[in-house]
């Protein structure tokens, strides 16, 4: 079974993929969007191409594990997506995944800084990978 991990954001989302048989999450693309309908259509296309059977969306909770404004937006997005695609959508706490993804990339950013001004690249797909890895570990 193929699973799609999503790091939801209000302007872009990071994607990751895993196969339940292998249980290794791999980063996918980053989707930039301006309207939720546009995002849903892009994800529906990816689901069909990759033959995804389950979706996991990162849930950004506060430090005391309470819902936030963005976590409610992620839940709303998940409900809309689930209704559109008729596949199971689950949520996984994503606390610190962006910070963790940024720290994983620290060494390459440090090398870039020594040659020219620091360039920070998107880490949303790496965050989606961490979200999906957490989910897979929970399912084990």
Protein backbone atom coordinates (compact mmCIF):
# COMPACT_ATOMS: atom_id res chain seq x y z
CA UNK A 1 0.00 0.00 0.00
CA UNK A 2 1.37 3.42 -0.97
CA UNK A 3 1.01 6.32 1.44
CA UNK A 4 1.28 10.05 0.75
CA UNK A 5 2.59 12.27 3.54
CA UNK A 6 1.69 15.96 3.44
CA UNK A 7 3.28 18.85 5.29
CA UNK A 8 0.41 21.34 4.94
CA UNK A 9 0.99 25.08 4.66
CA UNK A 10 -1.20 27.95 3.57
CA UNK A 11 0.92 28.73 0.48
CA UNK A 12 2.83 25.51 -0.14
CA UNK A 13 2.81 21.86 0.87
CA UNK A 14 5.59 19.34 1.02
CA UNK A 15 5.02 15.77 -0.10
CA UNK A 16 6.58 12.44 0.81
CA UNK A 17 5.82 8.88 -0.23
CA UNK A 18 6.16 5.47 1.36
CA UNK A 19 5.18 1.92 0.65
CA UNK A 20 3.86 0.05 3.70
CA UNK A 21 5.80 -3.06 2.63
CA UNK A 22 9.14 -1.23 2.65
CA UNK A 23 8.32 1.30 5.41
CA UNK A 24 10.79 3.90 4.16
CA UNK A 25 9.57 7.45 3.51
CA UNK A 26 11.07 9.38 0.62
CA UNK A 27 10.67 13.11 -0.04
CA UNK A 28 8.54 14.18 -2.98
CA UNK A 29 7.76 17.54 -4.53
CA UNK A 30 6.75 20.84 -3.01
CA UNK A 31 3.50 22.25 -4.35
CA UNK A 32 2.97 26.00 -4.40
CA UNK A 33 -0.64 27.15 -4.65
CA UNK A 34 -2.93 30.14 -4.25
CA UNK A 35 -6.32 28.45 -3.88
CA UNK A 36 -7.35 25.30 -2.03
CA UNK A 37 -9.16 23.99 -5.12
CA UNK A 38 -5.92 24.25 -7.12
CA UNK A 39 -4.06 22.30 -4.41
CA UNK A 40 -6.72 19.59 -4.27
CA UNK A 41 -6.57 19.12 -8.05
CA UNK A 42 -2.76 18.82 -8.03
CA UNK A 43 -2.85 16.29 -5.20
CA UNK A 44 -5.62 14.28 -6.89
CA UNK A 45 -3.41 14.02 -9.99
CA UNK A 46 -0.43 12.84 -7.90
CA UNK A 47 -2.60 10.30 -6.05
CA UNK A 48 -3.70 8.81 -9.35
CA UNK A 49 -0.17 8.79 -10.86
CA UNK A 50 1.44 7.24 -7.78
CA UNK A 51 -1.48 4.92 -6.97
CA UNK A 52 -1.72 6.25 -3.41
CA UNK A 53 -4.11 4.40 -1.08
CA UNK A 54 -3.75 6.38 2.15
CA UNK A 55 -2.85 9.94 3.14
CA UNK A 56 -1.21 11.31 6.27
CA UNK A 57 -1.29 15.04 6.97
CA UNK A 58 0.96 16.70 9.50
CA UNK A 59 -0.92 18.33 12.35
CA UNK A 60 0.94 21.34 13.76
CA UNK A 61 0.01 21.34 17.43
CA UNK A 62 1.24 23.86 19.99
CA UNK A 63 4.03 23.01 22.43
CA UNK A 64 1.40 21.89 24.93
CA UNK A 65 -0.16 19.65 22.23
CA UNK A 66 -3.25 21.80 21.71
CA UNK A 67 -4.91 22.69 18.42
CA UNK A 68 -3.77 25.89 16.72
CA UNK A 69 -5.22 28.00 13.92
CA UNK A 70 -2.99 26.27 11.36
CA UNK A 71 -3.80 22.81 12.75
CA UNK A 72 -7.50 23.58 12.23
CA UNK A 73 -6.72 24.62 8.64
CA UNK A 74 -4.84 21.35 8.15
CA UNK A 75 -7.83 19.40 9.51
CA UNK A 76 -10.23 21.31 7.23
CA UNK A 77 -7.97 20.61 4.26
CA UNK A 78 -7.85 16.92 5.20
CA UNK A 79 -11.63 16.68 5.42
CA UNK A 80 -12.04 18.38 2.03
CA UNK A 81 -9.40 16.14 0.46
CA UNK A 82 -10.93 12.99 1.95
CA UNK A 83 -14.35 13.89 0.52
CA UNK A 84 -12.82 14.57 -2.92
CA UNK A 85 -10.69 11.43 -3.22
CA UNK A 86 -12.58 8.87 -1.15
CA UNK A 87 -9.41 7.58 0.50
CA UNK A 88 -8.57 7.43 4.22
CA UNK A 89 -6.88 10.55 5.60
CA UNK A 90 -5.10 10.41 8.94
CA UNK A 91 -3.25 13.07 10.92
CA UNK A 92 0.16 12.87 12.58
CA UNK A 93 1.56 15.33 15.11
CA UNK A 94 4.29 17.25 13.34
CA UNK A 95 5.74 19.23 16.21
CA UNK A 96 9.32 20.31 15.41
CA UNK A 97 9.48 18.59 11.99
CA UNK A 98 10.42 21.82 10.18
CA UNK A 99 13.14 22.57 12.73
CA UNK A 100 14.36 18.99 12.49
CA UNK A 101 14.40 19.15 8.68
CA UNK A 102 16.30 22.45 8.77
CA UNK A 103 18.88 21.08 11.21
CA UNK A 104 19.40 18.02 9.03
CA UNK A 105 20.35 20.36 6.21
CA UNK A 106 22.62 22.56 8.39
CA UNK A 107 25.92 21.26 7.07
CA UNK A 108 25.10 21.95 3.42
CA UNK A 109 23.81 25.44 4.30
CA UNK A 110 27.02 26.20 6.19
CA UNK A 111 29.10 25.31 3.14
CA UNK A 112 26.94 27.49 0.91
CA UNK A 113 27.33 30.38 3.37
CA UNK A 114 31.13 30.29 3.10
CA UNK A 115 31.03 30.89 -0.67
CA UNK A 116 28.16 33.36 -0.96
CA UNK A 117 25.22 34.68 1.05
CA UNK A 118 23.32 31.95 2.83
CA UNK A 119 20.62 30.26 0.79
CA UNK A 120 17.88 28.52 2.70
CA UNK A 121 16.05 26.03 0.56
CA UNK A 122 12.58 24.69 1.12
CA UNK A 123 12.39 21.91 3.64
CA UNK A 124 8.68 21.19 3.34
CA UNK A 125 9.20 17.87 1.55
CA UNK A 126 11.76 16.85 4.18
CA UNK A 127 9.23 17.76 6.87
CA UNK A 128 6.63 15.64 5.07
CA UNK A 129 9.14 12.78 5.11
CA UNK A 130 9.59 13.12 8.88
CA UNK A 131 5.82 13.22 9.37
CA UNK A 132 5.41 10.07 7.31
CA UNK A 133 8.27 8.30 9.13
CA UNK A 134 6.61 9.08 12.49
CA UNK A 135 3.34 7.70 11.18
CA UNK A 136 4.98 4.52 9.90
CA UNK A 137 6.72 4.01 13.24
CA UNK A 138 3.42 4.41 15.06
CA UNK A 139 1.80 1.82 12.78
CA UNK A 140 4.56 -0.76 13.46
